[in-house]
Amino acid sequence: MTTIKPAKDLPLLLAFEGDVLEVFRLSSSERVHASLIDNLELKTDKKGKHTLDINKVSGYTTQGIAVDEEAVSKVTQLIAEVHKAKAEVRFD
């Protein structure tokens, strides 16, 4: 299992185990299977601030999850893990 706190001042965790990505917030959480994720995108604006967008096949997007510079490499690794799991999903 990979668990990341993407921003030290943000009460949010990202977790990925096997084929499910979870976003934990103080008041809610979100679970999405890798096969239902269209794309994960780590963006960097002109000021150097990083954010993560989770685009789902339904068209719904979780946008603008703040990512501190110190967490960029871990989030990049998580994105690679999710893409790998998505590619390996097989339905019977």
C-alpha atoms as a PDB file:
ATOM      1  CA  MET A   1       0.000   0.000   0.000  1.00  0.00           C
ATOM      2  CA  THR A   2       1.178   3.480  -0.857  1.00  0.00           C
ATOM      3  CA  THR A   3      -0.015   6.293   1.421  1.00  0.00           C
ATOM      4  CA  ILE A   4       0.944   9.919   0.808  1.00  0.00           C
ATOM      5  CA  LYS A   5       0.249  13.227   2.524  1.00  0.00           C
ATOM      6  CA  PRO A   6       0.608  15.451  -0.541  1.00  0.00           C
ATOM      7  CA  ALA A   7       0.704  18.754   1.338  1.00  0.00           C
ATOM      8  CA  LYS A   8       1.776  19.216   4.949  1.00  0.00           C
ATOM      9  CA  ASP A   9      -0.835  21.926   5.621  1.00  0.00           C
ATOM     10  CA  LEU A  10      -3.708  20.090   3.928  1.00  0.00           C
ATOM     11  CA  PRO A  11      -5.834  17.596   5.922  1.00  0.00           C
ATOM     12  CA  LEU A  12      -5.830  15.065   3.086  1.00  0.00           C
ATOM     13  CA  LEU A  13      -4.231  11.679   2.377  1.00  0.00           C
ATOM     14  CA  LEU A  14      -3.893   9.679  -0.829  1.00  0.00           C
ATOM     15  CA  ALA A  15      -3.724   5.893  -0.614  1.00  0.00           C
ATOM     16  CA  PHE A  16      -3.375   3.253  -3.307  1.00  0.00           C
ATOM     17  CA  GLU A  17      -3.506  -0.476  -2.778  1.00  0.00           C
ATOM     18  CA  GLY A  18      -3.690  -2.954  -5.612  1.00  0.00           C
ATOM     19  CA  ASP A  19      -6.344  -1.369  -7.782  1.00  0.00           C
ATOM     20  CA  VAL A  20      -8.183   1.186  -5.612  1.00  0.00           C
ATOM     21  CA  LEU A  21      -7.194   4.834  -5.170  1.00  0.00           C
ATOM     22  CA  GLU A  22      -8.537   6.503  -2.047  1.00  0.00           C
ATOM     23  CA  VAL A  23      -8.674  10.188  -1.145  1.00  0.00           C
ATOM     24  CA  PHE A  24      -9.202  10.785   2.573  1.00  0.00           C
ATOM     25  CA  ARG A  25     -10.353  14.181   3.843  1.00  0.00           C
ATOM     26  CA  LEU A  26     -11.440  15.200   7.332  1.00  0.00           C
ATOM     27  CA  SER A  27     -15.128  15.098   6.505  1.00  0.00           C
ATOM     28  CA  SER A  28     -15.265  12.675   3.580  1.00  0.00           C
ATOM     29  CA  SER A  29     -13.427  10.089   1.585  1.00  0.00           C
ATOM     30  CA  GLU A  30     -13.485   8.905  -1.998  1.00  0.00           C
ATOM     31  CA  ARG A  31     -12.635   5.482  -3.460  1.00  0.00           C
ATOM     32  CA  VAL A  32     -12.206   4.800  -7.141  1.00  0.00           C
ATOM     33  CA  HIS A  33     -11.081   1.662  -8.931  1.00  0.00           C
ATOM     34  CA  ALA A  34      -8.125   2.116 -11.294  1.00  0.00           C
ATOM     35  CA  SER A  35     -10.243   1.025 -14.264  1.00  0.00           C
ATOM     36  CA  LEU A  36     -12.615   3.943 -13.607  1.00  0.00           C
ATOM     37  CA  ILE A  37      -9.829   6.532 -13.701  1.00  0.00           C
ATOM     38  CA  ASP A  38      -9.367   8.169 -17.079  1.00  0.00           C
ATOM     39  CA  ASN A  39      -6.189  10.022 -16.089  1.00  0.00           C
ATOM     40  CA  LEU A  40      -4.211  11.365 -13.160  1.00  0.00           C
ATOM     41  CA  GLU A  41      -2.470  14.625 -13.909  1.00  0.00           C
ATOM     42  CA  LEU A  42       0.142  16.430 -11.843  1.00  0.00           C
ATOM     43  CA  LYS A  43       0.149  20.070 -12.932  1.00  0.00           C
ATOM     44  CA  THR A  44       2.587  22.863 -12.179  1.00  0.00           C
ATOM     45  CA  ASP A  45       1.501  26.471 -12.597  1.00  0.00           C
ATOM     46  CA  LYS A  46       3.643  29.455 -13.573  1.00  0.00           C
ATOM     47  CA  LYS A  47       4.451  30.115  -9.915  1.00  0.00           C
ATOM     48  CA  GLY A  48       5.719  26.557  -9.420  1.00  0.00           C
ATOM     49  CA  LYS A  49       2.734  25.341  -7.376  1.00  0.00           C
ATOM     50  CA  HIS A  50       1.779  21.714  -7.960  1.00  0.00           C
ATOM     51  CA  THR A  51      -1.724  20.245  -8.029  1.00  0.00           C
ATOM     52  CA  LEU A  52      -3.127  16.807  -8.765  1.00  0.00           C
ATOM     53  CA  ASP A  53      -6.278  16.234 -10.821  1.00  0.00           C
ATOM     54  CA  ILE A  54      -8.044  12.861 -10.811  1.00  0.00           C
ATOM     55  CA  ASN A  55     -10.112  12.532 -13.990  1.00  0.00           C
ATOM     56  CA  LYS A  56     -12.657   9.720 -13.942  1.00  0.00           C
ATOM     57  CA  VAL A  57     -14.252   7.980 -16.931  1.00  0.00           C
ATOM     58  CA  SER A  58     -17.630   9.377 -15.819  1.00  0.00           C
ATOM     59  CA  GLY A  59     -16.374  12.872 -16.622  1.00  0.00           C
ATOM     60  CA  TYR A  60     -16.234  13.799 -12.932  1.00  0.00           C
ATOM     61  CA  THR A  61     -12.902  15.270 -11.835  1.00  0.00           C
ATOM     62  CA  THR A  62     -11.347  15.786  -8.439  1.00  0.00           C
ATOM     63  CA  GLN A  63      -9.321  18.921  -9.170  1.00  0.00           C
ATOM     64  CA  GLY A  64      -6.632  20.915  -7.528  1.00  0.00           C
ATOM     65  CA  ILE A  65      -5.296  18.671  -4.775  1.00  0.00           C
ATOM     66  CA  ALA A  66      -2.313  20.678  -3.536  1.00  0.00           C
ATOM     67  CA  VAL A  67       1.030  18.885  -3.725  1.00  0.00           C
ATOM     68  CA  ASP A  68       4.097  20.223  -1.908  1.00  0.00           C
ATOM     69  CA  GLU A  69       7.430  20.168  -3.742  1.00  0.00           C
ATOM     70  CA  GLU A  70       8.680  17.539  -1.264  1.00  0.00           C
ATOM     71  CA  ALA A  71       5.840  15.182  -2.249  1.00  0.00           C
ATOM     72  CA  VAL A  72       6.096  15.524  -6.044  1.00  0.00           C
ATOM     73  CA  SER A  73       8.262  12.420  -6.520  1.00  0.00           C
ATOM     74  CA  LYS A  74       5.963  10.293  -4.323  1.00  0.00           C
ATOM     75  CA  VAL A  75       2.852  11.524  -6.151  1.00  0.00           C
ATOM     76  CA  THR A  76       4.564  10.841  -9.483  1.00  0.00           C
ATOM     77  CA  GLN A  77       5.285   7.295  -8.304  1.00  0.00           C
ATOM     78  CA  LEU A  78       1.654   6.863  -7.178  1.00  0.00           C
ATOM     79  CA  ILE A  79       0.462   8.037 -10.617  1.00  0.00           C
ATOM     80  CA  ALA A  80       2.702   5.422 -12.263  1.00  0.00           C
ATOM     81  CA  GLU A  81       1.336   2.701  -9.953  1.00  0.00           C
ATOM     82  CA  VAL A  82      -2.257   3.624 -10.786  1.00  0.00           C
ATOM     83  CA  HIS A  83      -1.556   3.667 -14.538  1.00  0.00           C
ATOM     84  CA  LYS A  84       0.159   0.269 -14.283  1.00  0.00           C
ATOM     85  CA  ALA A  85      -2.777  -1.202 -12.342  1.00  0.00           C
ATOM     86  CA  LYS A  86      -5.217   0.262 -14.869  1.00  0.00           C
ATOM     87  CA  ALA A  87      -3.316  -1.369 -17.743  1.00  0.00           C
ATOM     88  CA  GLU A  88      -3.355  -4.741 -15.962  1.00  0.00           C
ATOM     89  CA  VAL A  89      -7.084  -4.822 -15.124  1.00  0.00           C
ATOM     90  CA  ARG A  90      -8.832  -7.787 -16.675  1.00  0.00           C
ATOM     91  CA  PHE A  91     -12.521  -8.514 -16.385  1.00  0.00           C
ATOM     92  CA  ASP A  92     -13.826 -12.082 -16.554  1.00  0.00           C
END
